[in-house]
Amino acid sequence: MSGPLPIRQVEKPWGVDTLPPPFKTPEGERIGEIWFEPPAQLPDLLVKYIFTSEKLSVQVHPNDAQTEAKGLGHQGKEECWLIVHAEPGAKLGIGFDEAIGEDALRDAARDGSIEQLMTWHSVSPGDFFYIPANTVHAIGEGVSLIEVQQNSDITYRLYDYGRPRELHLEEGMVVAKGERYDLARWHKHFAAHETAILVDGPLFLLDQVAGTPTADIAARYPGKLLVIPREGDVSVAGHAVAPGGCALADGLSAITFAQDGVCLLARACPD
């Protein structure tokens, strides 16, 4: 059924104690992620806001073929990030300055030098990064972003700055690629009121829409989809959805777009 998705606020050691509007921080908690519970009608995508006051762990995710080989089914995780706010000097660590072999990567994760070997990309609002599975990555401090990902919770932490959390070094080494990140292919910058295709498959689609979707964007969404308002409210089957929310729509015809608004549209691609 069309309508807003329930929200789950997730505490993280690297989270923030004051969330930006419209979110509210429970007293005494550090919220790092806000999840929108995936609906049963579109279970393959997870949408999050992420807020950081410290660096996240250096981590990596497997792809679907790797999780299927382990008997875990379709649990691979590819994701993408749209930066919505960045403090001065905020960066994302993605890939490595130079190619690195498995043994050297394992040693670097153990002694912490992996952080210095990674490539740290300065970011600003409107920056967009697609993170293929097997890419070693970390989100730096002072970043707020929207993440759209395959709905999987398999994360292998390689290094966590001494925090007392479990690491998954051997599992991570099986799937991690010690490669440079293809910035020309996977990174773009979008203006705040630009209509654009952000992700064009093969696992999911993601579009930024200013006002009402154009015909070519509309053709990409023949059925159920997720709508994430960025500026201005949208109405989904009569339910008002404001920025900071996410809703399931049975189709584009169920959505009334603000003419001066901006939103994201997303759906999983069929197998």
C-alpha atoms as a PDB file:
ATOM      1  CA  MET A   1       0.000   0.000   0.000  1.00  0.00           C
ATOM      2  CA  SER A   2       1.280   3.463  -0.874  1.00  0.00           C
ATOM      3  CA  GLY A   3       2.390   5.690   1.975  1.00  0.00           C
ATOM      4  CA  PRO A   4       5.273   6.806   4.197  1.00  0.00           C
ATOM      5  CA  LEU A   5       7.726   4.164   5.425  1.00  0.00           C
ATOM      6  CA  PRO A   6       8.423   3.659   9.141  1.00  0.00           C
ATOM      7  CA  ILE A   7      11.691   5.152  10.397  1.00  0.00           C
ATOM      8  CA  ARG A   8      14.309   3.457  12.551  1.00  0.00           C
ATOM      9  CA  GLN A   9      16.991   5.563  14.252  1.00  0.00           C
ATOM     10  CA  VAL A  10      20.219   3.643  14.796  1.00  0.00           C
ATOM     11  CA  GLU A  11      22.821   4.557  17.419  1.00  0.00           C
ATOM     12  CA  LYS A  12      26.453   4.445  16.275  1.00  0.00           C
ATOM     13  CA  PRO A  13      29.693   5.340  18.095  1.00  0.00           C
ATOM     14  CA  TRP A  14      30.533   7.689  15.212  1.00  0.00           C
ATOM     15  CA  GLY A  15      27.051   9.267  15.104  1.00  0.00           C
ATOM     16  CA  VAL A  16      25.912  12.760  16.088  1.00  0.00           C
ATOM     17  CA  ASP A  17      24.185  14.019  19.230  1.00  0.00           C
ATOM     18  CA  THR A  18      22.278  16.715  17.318  1.00  0.00           C
ATOM     19  CA  LEU A  19      20.520  15.688  14.127  1.00  0.00           C
ATOM     20  CA  PRO A  20      19.654  18.320  11.506  1.00  0.00           C
ATOM     21  CA  PRO A  21      15.969  19.212  11.033  1.00  0.00           C
ATOM     22  CA  PRO A  22      13.504  17.653  10.531  1.00  0.00           C
ATOM     23  CA  PHE A  23      15.021  14.812  12.553  1.00  0.00           C
ATOM     24  CA  LYS A  24      15.093  14.867  16.347  1.00  0.00           C
ATOM     25  CA  THR A  25      17.791  13.249  18.467  1.00  0.00           C
ATOM     26  CA  PRO A  26      16.709  11.292  21.561  1.00  0.00           C
ATOM     27  CA  GLU A  27      18.448  12.726  24.617  1.00  0.00           C
ATOM     28  CA  GLY A  28      21.724  11.016  25.442  1.00  0.00           C
ATOM     29  CA  GLU A  29      21.963   9.129  22.134  1.00  0.00           C
ATOM     30  CA  ARG A  30      24.349   9.420  19.185  1.00  0.00           C
ATOM     31  CA  ILE A  31      22.395   8.695  16.027  1.00  0.00           C
ATOM     32  CA  GLY A  32      24.444   7.629  13.028  1.00  0.00           C
ATOM     33  CA  GLU A  33      21.801   6.221  10.703  1.00  0.00           C
ATOM     34  CA  ILE A  34      18.124   6.708   9.975  1.00  0.00           C
ATOM     35  CA  TRP A  35      16.643   3.746   8.121  1.00  0.00           C
ATOM     36  CA  PHE A  36      13.385   3.584   6.229  1.00  0.00           C
ATOM     37  CA  GLU A  37      11.978   0.094   6.754  1.00  0.00           C
ATOM     38  CA  PRO A  38      11.853  -1.638   3.349  1.00  0.00           C
ATOM     39  CA  PRO A  39       8.260  -2.441   2.375  1.00  0.00           C
ATOM     40  CA  ALA A  40       7.265  -5.999   1.592  1.00  0.00           C
ATOM     41  CA  GLN A  41       6.291  -4.867  -1.915  1.00  0.00           C
ATOM     42  CA  LEU A  42       9.845  -3.558  -2.602  1.00  0.00           C
ATOM     43  CA  PRO A  43      12.105  -5.533  -0.260  1.00  0.00           C
ATOM     44  CA  ASP A  44      15.348  -5.340  -2.241  1.00  0.00           C
ATOM     45  CA  LEU A  45      16.304  -1.717  -1.526  1.00  0.00           C
ATOM     46  CA  LEU A  46      17.201   0.058   1.712  1.00  0.00           C
ATOM     47  CA  VAL A  47      17.282   3.858   1.989  1.00  0.00           C
ATOM     48  CA  LYS A  48      19.203   5.552   4.803  1.00  0.00           C
ATOM     49  CA  TYR A  49      20.400   8.918   5.982  1.00  0.00           C
ATOM     50  CA  ILE A  50      23.900   8.734   7.500  1.00  0.00           C
ATOM     51  CA  PHE A  51      25.358  11.397   9.827  1.00  0.00           C
ATOM     52  CA  THR A  52      28.965  11.260  11.013  1.00  0.00           C
ATOM     53  CA  SER A  53      31.005  13.023  13.695  1.00  0.00           C
ATOM     54  CA  GLU A  54      33.901  10.543  13.375  1.00  0.00           C
ATOM     55  CA  LYS A  55      35.224   8.253  10.650  1.00  0.00           C
ATOM     56  CA  LEU A  56      33.350   5.045   9.972  1.00  0.00           C
ATOM     57  CA  SER A  57      35.243   1.773   9.903  1.00  0.00           C
ATOM     58  CA  VAL A  58      37.180   0.779   6.815  1.00  0.00           C
ATOM     59  CA  GLN A  59      34.951  -1.904   5.335  1.00  0.00           C
ATOM     60  CA  VAL A  60      33.964  -3.923   2.308  1.00  0.00           C
ATOM     61  CA  HIS A  61      30.846  -5.766   1.094  1.00  0.00           C
ATOM     62  CA  PRO A  62      30.493  -8.958  -0.988  1.00  0.00           C
ATOM     63  CA  ASN A  63      28.524  -9.228  -4.220  1.00  0.00           C
ATOM     64  CA  ASP A  64      25.531 -11.486  -4.857  1.00  0.00           C
ATOM     65  CA  ALA A  65      27.600 -14.258  -6.445  1.00  0.00           C
ATOM     66  CA  GLN A  66      29.865 -14.394  -3.395  1.00  0.00           C
ATOM     67  CA  THR A  67      27.011 -14.581  -0.886  1.00  0.00           C
ATOM     68  CA  GLU A  68      25.197 -17.181  -2.983  1.00  0.00           C
ATOM     69  CA  ALA A  69      28.378 -19.296  -3.030  1.00  0.00           C
ATOM     70  CA  LYS A  70      28.323 -19.224   0.780  1.00  0.00           C
ATOM     71  CA  GLY A  71      24.692 -20.346   0.862  1.00  0.00           C
ATOM     72  CA  LEU A  72      23.411 -16.926   1.990  1.00  0.00           C
ATOM     73  CA  GLY A  73      21.275 -16.205  -1.048  1.00  0.00           C
ATOM     74  CA  HIS A  74      21.021 -12.748  -2.687  1.00  0.00           C
ATOM     75  CA  GLN A  75      22.807 -10.810   0.060  1.00  0.00           C
ATOM     76  CA  GLY A  76      25.394  -8.831  -1.876  1.00  0.00           C
ATOM     77  CA  LYS A  77      25.626  -5.132  -1.192  1.00  0.00           C
ATOM     78  CA  GLU A  78      26.219  -2.393  -3.708  1.00  0.00           C
ATOM     79  CA  GLU A  79      25.391   1.110  -2.568  1.00  0.00           C
ATOM     80  CA  CYS A  80      25.553   4.755  -3.521  1.00  0.00           C
ATOM     81  CA  TRP A  81      25.905   8.015  -1.645  1.00  0.00           C
ATOM     82  CA  LEU A  82      24.477  11.465  -2.349  1.00  0.00           C
ATOM     83  CA  ILE A  83      26.160  14.086  -0.166  1.00  0.00           C
ATOM     84  CA  VAL A  84      23.623  16.471   1.373  1.00  0.00           C
ATOM     85  CA  HIS A  85      25.938  18.288   3.818  1.00  0.00           C
ATOM     86  CA  ALA A  86      29.676  18.338   4.409  1.00  0.00           C
ATOM     87  CA  GLU A  87      31.759  20.160   6.995  1.00  0.00           C
ATOM     88  CA  PRO A  88      34.929  21.862   5.733  1.00  0.00           C
ATOM     89  CA  GLY A  89      37.529  19.193   4.983  1.00  0.00           C
ATOM     90  CA  ALA A  90      35.013  16.313   4.930  1.00  0.00           C
ATOM     91  CA  LYS A  91      36.182  13.318   2.923  1.00  0.00           C
ATOM     92  CA  LEU A  92      35.272   9.816   1.817  1.00  0.00           C
ATOM     93  CA  GLY A  93      37.857   7.032   1.621  1.00  0.00           C
ATOM     94  CA  ILE A  94      37.287   4.875  -1.469  1.00  0.00           C
ATOM     95  CA  GLY A  95      39.823   2.531  -3.006  1.00  0.00           C
ATOM     96  CA  PHE A  96      43.599   2.943  -2.848  1.00  0.00           C
ATOM     97  CA  ASP A  97      46.224   5.349  -4.145  1.00  0.00           C
ATOM     98  CA  GLU A  98      48.061   2.386  -5.670  1.00  0.00           C
ATOM     99  CA  ALA A  99      47.065  -1.231  -6.280  1.00  0.00           C
ATOM    100  CA  ILE A 100      47.790  -3.447  -3.275  1.00  0.00           C
ATOM    101  CA  GLY A 101      47.940  -7.250  -3.014  1.00  0.00           C
ATOM    102  CA  GLU A 102      46.042  -9.390  -0.537  1.00  0.00           C
ATOM    103  CA  ASP A 103      48.931 -10.025   1.847  1.00  0.00           C
ATOM    104  CA  ALA A 104      49.908  -6.353   1.982  1.00  0.00           C
ATOM    105  CA  LEU A 105      46.257  -5.366   2.411  1.00  0.00           C
ATOM    106  CA  ARG A 106      45.857  -7.797   5.327  1.00  0.00           C
ATOM    107  CA  ASP A 107      49.001  -6.435   7.003  1.00  0.00           C
ATOM    108  CA  ALA A 108      47.836  -2.841   6.502  1.00  0.00           C
ATOM    109  CA  ALA A 109      44.459  -3.617   8.054  1.00  0.00           C
ATOM    110  CA  ARG A 110      46.158  -5.213  11.050  1.00  0.00           C
ATOM    111  CA  ASP A 111      48.531  -2.339  11.759  1.00  0.00           C
ATOM    112  CA  GLY A 112      46.167   0.494  10.800  1.00  0.00           C
ATOM    113  CA  SER A 113      48.197   1.797   7.874  1.00  0.00           C
ATOM    114  CA  ILE A 114      45.300   0.915   5.555  1.00  0.00           C
ATOM    115  CA  GLU A 115      43.858   4.349   6.328  1.00  0.00           C
ATOM    116  CA  GLN A 116      46.916   6.074   4.842  1.00  0.00           C
ATOM    117  CA  LEU A 117      46.927   3.833   1.764  1.00  0.00           C
ATOM    118  CA  MET A 118      43.338   4.656   0.840  1.00  0.00           C
ATOM    119  CA  THR A 119      42.354   7.517  -1.455  1.00  0.00           C
ATOM    120  CA  TRP A 120      40.440  10.218   0.433  1.00  0.00           C
ATOM    121  CA  HIS A 121      38.097  12.271  -1.748  1.00  0.00           C
ATOM    122  CA  SER A 122      36.989  15.739  -0.613  1.00  0.00           C
ATOM    123  CA  VAL A 123      33.212  16.140  -0.832  1.00  0.00           C
ATOM    124  CA  SER A 124      30.547  18.827  -0.993  1.00  0.00           C
ATOM    125  CA  PRO A 125      26.735  18.767  -1.318  1.00  0.00           C
ATOM    126  CA  GLY A 126      25.665  17.331  -4.658  1.00  0.00           C
ATOM    127  CA  ASP A 127      28.579  14.913  -4.922  1.00  0.00           C
ATOM    128  CA  PHE A 128      27.437  11.416  -5.833  1.00  0.00           C
ATOM    129  CA  PHE A 129      29.437   8.193  -5.548  1.00  0.00           C
ATOM    130  CA  TYR A 130      28.477   4.670  -6.590  1.00  0.00           C
ATOM    131  CA  ILE A 131      30.235   2.010  -4.495  1.00  0.00           C
ATOM    132  CA  PRO A 132      30.426  -1.368  -6.261  1.00  0.00           C
ATOM    133  CA  ALA A 133      30.658  -4.494  -4.114  1.00  0.00           C
ATOM    134  CA  ASN A 134      34.262  -5.479  -3.233  1.00  0.00           C
ATOM    135  CA  THR A 135      35.317  -1.802  -3.012  1.00  0.00           C
ATOM    136  CA  VAL A 136      37.158  -0.931   0.221  1.00  0.00           C
ATOM    137  CA  HIS A 137      35.640   2.257   1.616  1.00  0.00           C
ATOM    138  CA  ALA A 138      35.067   4.465   4.651  1.00  0.00           C
ATOM    139  CA  ILE A 139      32.972   7.572   5.288  1.00  0.00           C
ATOM    140  CA  GLY A 140      34.863  10.367   7.022  1.00  0.00           C
ATOM    141  CA  GLU A 141      33.690  12.704   9.763  1.00  0.00           C
ATOM    142  CA  GLY A 142      31.437  15.703   9.203  1.00  0.00           C
ATOM    143  CA  VAL A 143      29.344  14.148   6.430  1.00  0.00           C
ATOM    144  CA  SER A 144      25.582  13.846   5.977  1.00  0.00           C
ATOM    145  CA  LEU A 145      24.427  11.726   3.067  1.00  0.00           C
ATOM    146  CA  ILE A 146      21.603   9.694   1.620  1.00  0.00           C
ATOM    147  CA  GLU A 147      22.518   6.073   0.962  1.00  0.00           C
ATOM    148  CA  VAL A 148      20.554   3.813  -1.370  1.00  0.00           C
ATOM    149  CA  GLN A 149      21.720   0.210  -1.244  1.00  0.00           C
ATOM    150  CA  GLN A 150      20.852  -3.384  -1.859  1.00  0.00           C
ATOM    151  CA  ASN A 151      18.973  -4.498   1.237  1.00  0.00           C
ATOM    152  CA  SER A 152      21.762  -6.498   2.876  1.00  0.00           C
ATOM    153  CA  ASP A 153      23.409  -6.200   6.287  1.00  0.00           C
ATOM    154  CA  ILE A 154      26.637  -8.036   5.369  1.00  0.00           C
ATOM    155  CA  THR A 155      29.541  -5.743   6.180  1.00  0.00           C
ATOM    156  CA  TYR A 156      33.115  -6.880   6.725  1.00  0.00           C
ATOM    157  CA  ARG A 157      35.053  -4.436   8.915  1.00  0.00           C
ATOM    158  CA  LEU A 158      38.746  -4.368   8.096  1.00  0.00           C
ATOM    159  CA  TYR A 159      39.860  -1.603  10.464  1.00  0.00           C
ATOM    160  CA  ASP A 160      37.981   0.385  13.114  1.00  0.00           C
ATOM    161  CA  TYR A 161      40.439   2.857  14.686  1.00  0.00           C
ATOM    162  CA  GLY A 162      40.705   0.828  17.881  1.00  0.00           C
ATOM    163  CA  ARG A 163      36.994   0.797  18.660  1.00  0.00           C
ATOM    164  CA  PRO A 164      35.930  -2.356  20.549  1.00  0.00           C
ATOM    165  CA  ARG A 165      33.868  -3.807  17.717  1.00  0.00           C
ATOM    166  CA  GLU A 166      34.262  -7.081  15.861  1.00  0.00           C
ATOM    167  CA  LEU A 167      36.486  -7.119  12.797  1.00  0.00           C
ATOM    168  CA  HIS A 168      36.070  -9.516   9.869  1.00  0.00           C
ATOM    169  CA  LEU A 169      39.551  -9.541   8.404  1.00  0.00           C
ATOM    170  CA  GLU A 170      39.599 -13.007   6.817  1.00  0.00           C
ATOM    171  CA  GLU A 171      36.086 -12.735   5.384  1.00  0.00           C
ATOM    172  CA  GLY A 172      36.939  -9.282   4.083  1.00  0.00           C
ATOM    173  CA  MET A 173      40.149 -10.411   2.417  1.00  0.00           C
ATOM    174  CA  VAL A 174      38.191 -12.935   0.341  1.00  0.00           C
ATOM    175  CA  VAL A 175      36.104 -10.192  -1.280  1.00  0.00           C
ATOM    176  CA  ALA A 176      38.191  -6.991  -1.045  1.00  0.00           C
ATOM    177  CA  LYS A 177      39.803  -5.556  -4.172  1.00  0.00           C
ATOM    178  CA  GLY A 178      43.004  -3.639  -3.524  1.00  0.00           C
ATOM    179  CA  GLU A 179      42.369  -1.326  -6.464  1.00  0.00           C
ATOM    180  CA  ARG A 180      42.098   2.331  -7.317  1.00  0.00           C
ATOM    181  CA  TYR A 181      38.537   3.675  -7.410  1.00  0.00           C
ATOM    182  CA  ASP A 182      37.393   4.583 -10.920  1.00  0.00           C
ATOM    183  CA  LEU A 183      36.401   8.145 -10.101  1.00  0.00           C
ATOM    184  CA  ALA A 184      35.612   9.044 -13.717  1.00  0.00           C
ATOM    185  CA  ARG A 185      33.112   6.184 -13.933  1.00  0.00           C
ATOM    186  CA  TRP A 186      31.527   6.143 -10.488  1.00  0.00           C
ATOM    187  CA  HIS A 187      31.493   9.776  -9.343  1.00  0.00           C
ATOM    188  CA  LYS A 188      29.336  12.662 -10.550  1.00  0.00           C
ATOM    189  CA  HIS A 189      28.255  16.024  -9.214  1.00  0.00           C
ATOM    190  CA  PHE A 190      24.648  17.142  -9.529  1.00  0.00           C
ATOM    191  CA  ALA A 191      23.187  20.596  -9.112  1.00  0.00           C
ATOM    192  CA  ALA A 192      20.556  20.948  -6.404  1.00  0.00           C
ATOM    193  CA  HIS A 193      17.677  21.447  -8.881  1.00  0.00           C
ATOM    194  CA  GLU A 194      18.872  19.225 -11.709  1.00  0.00           C
ATOM    195  CA  THR A 195      16.849  16.347 -13.143  1.00  0.00           C
ATOM    196  CA  ALA A 196      19.305  13.521 -13.741  1.00  0.00           C
ATOM    197  CA  ILE A 197      19.809   9.771 -13.840  1.00  0.00           C
ATOM    198  CA  LEU A 198      22.029   8.845 -10.893  1.00  0.00           C
ATOM    199  CA  VAL A 199      22.048   5.042 -11.202  1.00  0.00           C
ATOM    200  CA  ASP A 200      21.036   3.126 -14.326  1.00  0.00           C
ATOM    201  CA  GLY A 201      21.201  -0.476 -13.071  1.00  0.00           C
ATOM    202  CA  PRO A 202      21.929  -3.282 -13.225  1.00  0.00           C
ATOM    203  CA  LEU A 203      20.771  -3.756  -9.616  1.00  0.00           C
ATOM    204  CA  PHE A 204      18.640  -0.670  -9.070  1.00  0.00           C
ATOM    205  CA  LEU A 205      17.619   2.658 -10.559  1.00  0.00           C
ATOM    206  CA  LEU A 206      17.940   6.044  -8.883  1.00  0.00           C
ATOM    207  CA  ASP A 207      16.923   9.413 -10.324  1.00  0.00           C
ATOM    208  CA  GLN A 208      16.865  12.989  -9.111  1.00  0.00           C
ATOM    209  CA  VAL A 209      13.756  14.833 -10.258  1.00  0.00           C
ATOM    210  CA  ALA A 210      13.092  18.565 -10.172  1.00  0.00           C
ATOM    211  CA  GLY A 211       9.353  19.211 -10.350  1.00  0.00           C
ATOM    212  CA  THR A 212       7.348  16.627 -12.293  1.00  0.00           C
ATOM    213  CA  PRO A 213       9.295  13.739 -13.886  1.00  0.00           C
ATOM    214  CA  THR A 214      10.115  14.109 -17.560  1.00  0.00           C
ATOM    215  CA  ALA A 215       8.803  11.482 -19.963  1.00  0.00           C
ATOM    216  CA  ASP A 216      12.134   9.653 -20.132  1.00  0.00           C
ATOM    217  CA  ILE A 217      12.396   9.471 -16.339  1.00  0.00           C
ATOM    218  CA  ALA A 218       8.746   8.420 -16.015  1.00  0.00           C
ATOM    219  CA  ALA A 219       9.347   5.536 -18.438  1.00  0.00           C
ATOM    220  CA  ARG A 220      11.869   4.095 -15.976  1.00  0.00           C
ATOM    221  CA  TYR A 221       9.183   3.683 -13.286  1.00  0.00           C
ATOM    222  CA  PRO A 222       6.271   1.635 -14.652  1.00  0.00           C
ATOM    223  CA  GLY A 223       5.325   0.164 -11.277  1.00  0.00           C
ATOM    224  CA  LYS A 224       6.041   0.429  -7.568  1.00  0.00           C
ATOM    225  CA  LEU A 225       8.810   2.785  -6.496  1.00  0.00           C
ATOM    226  CA  LEU A 226      10.276   4.675  -3.560  1.00  0.00           C
ATOM    227  CA  VAL A 227      10.105   8.476  -3.417  1.00  0.00           C
ATOM    228  CA  ILE A 228      12.469  10.496  -1.214  1.00  0.00           C
ATOM    229  CA  PRO A 229      11.628  14.235  -1.042  1.00  0.00           C
ATOM    230  CA  ARG A 230      14.636  16.555  -0.880  1.00  0.00           C
ATOM    231  CA  GLU A 231      12.940  19.957  -1.226  1.00  0.00           C
ATOM    232  CA  GLY A 232       9.206  20.540  -0.969  1.00  0.00           C
ATOM    233  CA  ASP A 233       6.540  18.056   0.074  1.00  0.00           C
ATOM    234  CA  VAL A 234       5.118  15.374  -2.172  1.00  0.00           C
ATOM    235  CA  SER A 235       1.771  13.664  -1.780  1.00  0.00           C
ATOM    236  CA  VAL A 236       1.670   9.873  -2.086  1.00  0.00           C
ATOM    237  CA  ALA A 237      -1.860   8.439  -2.300  1.00  0.00           C
ATOM    238  CA  GLY A 238      -3.068  11.396  -0.253  1.00  0.00           C
ATOM    239  CA  HIS A 239      -0.289  11.172   2.361  1.00  0.00           C
ATOM    240  CA  ALA A 240       1.950  14.237   2.674  1.00  0.00           C
ATOM    241  CA  VAL A 241       5.631  13.266   2.686  1.00  0.00           C
ATOM    242  CA  ALA A 242       8.117  15.979   3.649  1.00  0.00           C
ATOM    243  CA  PRO A 243      11.898  16.134   3.216  1.00  0.00           C
ATOM    244  CA  GLY A 244      13.430  13.684   5.679  1.00  0.00           C
ATOM    245  CA  GLY A 245      10.847  11.053   4.769  1.00  0.00           C
ATOM    246  CA  CYS A 246      10.567   8.219   2.276  1.00  0.00           C
ATOM    247  CA  ALA A 247       7.425   6.632   0.868  1.00  0.00           C
ATOM    248  CA  LEU A 248       6.307   3.667  -1.178  1.00  0.00           C
ATOM    249  CA  ALA A 249       4.171   4.551  -4.185  1.00  0.00           C
ATOM    250  CA  ASP A 250       2.187   2.043  -6.220  1.00  0.00           C
ATOM    251  CA  GLY A 251       3.129   4.063  -9.301  1.00  0.00           C
ATOM    252  CA  LEU A 252       3.951   7.562 -10.461  1.00  0.00           C
ATOM    253  CA  SER A 253       0.233   8.279 -10.799  1.00  0.00           C
ATOM    254  CA  ALA A 254      -0.045   7.992  -7.001  1.00  0.00           C
ATOM    255  CA  ILE A 255       2.439  10.849  -6.496  1.00  0.00           C
ATOM    256  CA  THR A 256       1.711  14.578  -6.643  1.00  0.00           C
ATOM    257  CA  PHE A 257       5.007  16.408  -7.101  1.00  0.00           C
ATOM    258  CA  ALA A 258       5.737  19.943  -5.928  1.00  0.00           C
ATOM    259  CA  GLN A 259       6.489  21.981  -9.043  1.00  0.00           C
ATOM    260  CA  ASP A 260       9.372  23.757  -7.317  1.00  0.00           C
ATOM    261  CA  GLY A 261      10.440  20.675  -5.353  1.00  0.00           C
ATOM    262  CA  VAL A 262      13.191  18.092  -5.745  1.00  0.00           C
ATOM    263  CA  CYS A 263      12.991  14.397  -4.923  1.00  0.00           C
ATOM    264  CA  LEU A 264      14.736  11.101  -5.542  1.00  0.00           C
ATOM    265  CA  LEU A 265      13.017   8.110  -7.148  1.00  0.00           C
ATOM    266  CA  ALA A 266      14.283   4.555  -6.737  1.00  0.00           C
ATOM    267  CA  ARG A 267      13.389   0.987  -7.592  1.00  0.00           C
ATOM    268  CA  ALA A 268      15.150  -2.360  -7.793  1.00  0.00           C
ATOM    269  CA  CYS A 269      15.731  -3.918 -11.194  1.00  0.00           C
ATOM    270  CA  PRO A 270      14.137  -7.309 -11.889  1.00  0.00           C
ATOM    271  CA  ASP A 271      16.435 -10.332 -11.626  1.00  0.00           C
END
